[in-house]
Amino acid sequence: MLTSSLHKALFYNLLSLSCFVLAACGDVYKIGVGIADITGPAAEINMMGYAQIGQRT
C-alpha cells in the first residue's frame, strides 16, 4: 500500500502534469474577450406594462 506522503506526491505530480498539458493546448475558450451585445436593441422599443402607449425608451 502507498503511504500518505506517497499519495500526496503522486497527486501533486499528476496535478502539475495536467496543468502543463492544459497550458500547452492553447486557448480554446476566450472568456471575456467578446464585444458583441446579445440582448438586442436597447432603443426605440415599445415599453410593456404601466407605460403610456406612445412612450418609447
N, C-alpha and C. Protein backbone atom coordinates (compact mmCIF):
# COMPACT_ATOMS: atom_id res chain seq x y z
N MET A 1 0.83 -1.19 0.00
CA MET A 1 0.00 0.00 0.00
C MET A 1 0.87 1.25 0.00
N LEU A 2 0.34 2.28 -0.62
CA LEU A 2 1.07 3.55 -0.64
C LEU A 2 0.82 4.31 0.64
N THR A 3 1.83 4.97 1.11
CA THR A 3 1.69 5.77 2.31
C THR A 3 1.06 7.10 1.97
N SER A 4 0.70 7.84 2.99
CA SER A 4 0.05 9.13 2.80
C SER A 4 0.95 10.12 2.07
N SER A 5 2.22 10.15 2.40
CA SER A 5 3.13 11.09 1.74
C SER A 5 3.34 10.71 0.28
N LEU A 6 3.32 9.41 -0.01
CA LEU A 6 3.45 8.97 -1.40
C LEU A 6 2.20 9.31 -2.20
N HIS A 7 1.04 9.22 -1.56
CA HIS A 7 -0.21 9.63 -2.19
C HIS A 7 -0.17 11.12 -2.54
N LYS A 8 0.29 11.93 -1.61
CA LYS A 8 0.37 13.37 -1.85
C LYS A 8 1.34 13.69 -2.97
N ALA A 9 2.48 13.03 -2.99
CA ALA A 9 3.48 13.27 -4.04
C ALA A 9 2.92 12.87 -5.39
N LEU A 10 2.23 11.75 -5.47
CA LEU A 10 1.63 11.31 -6.72
C LEU A 10 0.56 12.29 -7.18
N PHE A 11 -0.26 12.75 -6.25
CA PHE A 11 -1.31 13.71 -6.58
C PHE A 11 -0.73 15.00 -7.13
N TYR A 12 0.28 15.55 -6.47
CA TYR A 12 0.87 16.81 -6.92
C TYR A 12 1.59 16.65 -8.25
N ASN A 13 2.20 15.51 -8.47
CA ASN A 13 2.85 15.27 -9.77
C ASN A 13 1.82 15.20 -10.89
N LEU A 14 0.72 14.50 -10.65
CA LEU A 14 -0.33 14.43 -11.66
C LEU A 14 -1.00 15.78 -11.88
N LEU A 15 -1.16 16.54 -10.82
CA LEU A 15 -1.73 17.88 -10.94
C LEU A 15 -0.82 18.78 -11.76
N SER A 16 0.46 18.74 -11.50
CA SER A 16 1.42 19.55 -12.26
C SER A 16 1.45 19.14 -13.72
N LEU A 17 1.43 17.84 -13.96
CA LEU A 17 1.45 17.34 -15.33
C LEU A 17 0.20 17.79 -16.08
N SER A 18 -0.95 17.72 -15.44
CA SER A 18 -2.18 18.13 -16.11
C SER A 18 -2.18 19.63 -16.39
N CYS A 19 -1.61 20.43 -15.49
CA CYS A 19 -1.52 21.88 -15.73
C CYS A 19 -0.62 22.18 -16.93
N PHE A 20 0.49 21.48 -17.03
CA PHE A 20 1.38 21.69 -18.17
C PHE A 20 0.72 21.26 -19.48
N VAL A 21 -0.01 20.17 -19.45
CA VAL A 21 -0.68 19.69 -20.66
C VAL A 21 -1.76 20.68 -21.09
N LEU A 22 -2.54 21.18 -20.14
CA LEU A 22 -3.59 22.14 -20.47
C LEU A 22 -3.00 23.46 -20.97
N ALA A 23 -1.88 23.87 -20.42
CA ALA A 23 -1.24 25.10 -20.88
C ALA A 23 -0.69 24.94 -22.28
N ALA A 24 -0.24 23.74 -22.62
CA ALA A 24 0.32 23.50 -23.95
C ALA A 24 -0.76 23.42 -25.02
N CYS A 25 -2.00 23.15 -24.62
CA CYS A 25 -3.09 23.02 -25.59
C CYS A 25 -3.48 24.36 -26.19
N GLY A 26 -3.19 25.43 -25.55
CA GLY A 26 -3.53 26.75 -26.07
C GLY A 26 -4.87 27.23 -25.54
N ASP A 27 -5.29 28.39 -26.02
CA ASP A 27 -6.55 28.97 -25.58
C ASP A 27 -7.68 28.47 -26.45
N VAL A 28 -8.45 27.55 -25.92
CA VAL A 28 -9.59 27.04 -26.65
C VAL A 28 -10.78 27.96 -26.45
N TYR A 29 -11.01 28.37 -25.22
CA TYR A 29 -12.11 29.27 -24.91
C TYR A 29 -11.53 30.65 -24.59
N LYS A 30 -12.10 31.67 -25.19
CA LYS A 30 -11.66 33.03 -24.93
C LYS A 30 -12.76 33.73 -24.13
N ILE A 31 -12.67 33.60 -22.84
CA ILE A 31 -13.71 34.12 -21.96
C ILE A 31 -13.46 35.59 -21.68
N GLY A 32 -14.47 36.40 -21.89
CA GLY A 32 -14.38 37.82 -21.57
C GLY A 32 -13.77 38.67 -22.66
N VAL A 33 -13.59 38.15 -23.87
CA VAL A 33 -12.98 38.95 -24.92
C VAL A 33 -14.00 39.39 -25.97
N GLY A 34 -15.25 38.99 -25.81
CA GLY A 34 -16.28 39.35 -26.80
C GLY A 34 -16.72 40.79 -26.65
N ILE A 35 -17.07 41.42 -27.76
CA ILE A 35 -17.55 42.80 -27.71
C ILE A 35 -18.98 42.92 -28.23
N ALA A 36 -19.62 41.79 -28.54
CA ALA A 36 -20.97 41.81 -29.08
C ALA A 36 -21.99 41.88 -27.95
N ASP A 37 -23.14 42.44 -28.27
CA ASP A 37 -24.24 42.51 -27.32
C ASP A 37 -25.35 41.58 -27.80
N ILE A 38 -25.72 40.61 -26.99
CA ILE A 38 -26.73 39.65 -27.42
C ILE A 38 -28.11 39.99 -26.89
N THR A 39 -28.27 41.12 -26.23
CA THR A 39 -29.55 41.46 -25.63
C THR A 39 -30.50 42.13 -26.60
N GLY A 40 -30.05 42.47 -27.78
CA GLY A 40 -30.93 43.10 -28.76
C GLY A 40 -30.87 44.62 -28.66
N PRO A 41 -31.66 45.28 -29.48
CA PRO A 41 -31.64 46.74 -29.49
C PRO A 41 -32.18 47.31 -28.18
N ALA A 42 -31.54 48.37 -27.74
CA ALA A 42 -31.92 48.97 -26.46
C ALA A 42 -32.75 50.23 -26.63
N ALA A 43 -32.94 50.70 -27.84
CA ALA A 43 -33.65 51.95 -28.06
C ALA A 43 -34.81 51.76 -29.03
N GLU A 44 -35.78 52.64 -28.92
CA GLU A 44 -36.95 52.68 -29.79
C GLU A 44 -37.77 51.39 -29.74
N ILE A 45 -37.85 50.79 -28.57
CA ILE A 45 -38.66 49.60 -28.37
C ILE A 45 -39.87 50.00 -27.53
N ASN A 46 -41.05 49.54 -27.91
CA ASN A 46 -42.24 49.84 -27.13
C ASN A 46 -42.11 49.23 -25.74
N MET A 47 -42.52 50.01 -24.74
CA MET A 47 -42.44 49.53 -23.36
C MET A 47 -43.74 48.80 -23.02
N MET A 48 -43.64 47.74 -22.29
CA MET A 48 -44.81 46.97 -21.87
C MET A 48 -45.08 47.24 -20.39
N GLY A 49 -46.29 47.04 -19.98
CA GLY A 49 -46.61 47.21 -18.56
C GLY A 49 -47.36 48.49 -18.31
N TYR A 50 -46.88 49.31 -17.38
CA TYR A 50 -47.59 50.51 -16.95
C TYR A 50 -47.17 51.76 -17.71
N ALA A 51 -46.51 51.62 -18.84
CA ALA A 51 -46.07 52.78 -19.63
C ALA A 51 -47.24 53.32 -20.44
N GLN A 52 -47.09 54.54 -20.91
CA GLN A 52 -48.10 55.10 -21.80
C GLN A 52 -47.92 54.49 -23.19
N ILE A 53 -48.97 54.43 -23.99
CA ILE A 53 -48.94 53.75 -25.28
C ILE A 53 -47.89 54.35 -26.21
N GLY A 54 -47.76 55.63 -26.29
CA GLY A 54 -46.81 56.26 -27.19
C GLY A 54 -45.39 56.37 -26.66
N GLN A 55 -45.18 55.94 -25.44
CA GLN A 55 -43.87 56.10 -24.81
C GLN A 55 -42.86 55.12 -25.39
N ARG A 56 -41.66 55.64 -25.66
CA ARG A 56 -40.56 54.81 -26.15
C ARG A 56 -39.37 54.98 -25.22
N THR A 57 -38.48 53.99 -25.25
CA THR A 57 -37.31 54.05 -24.37
C THR A 57 -36.29 55.04 -24.87
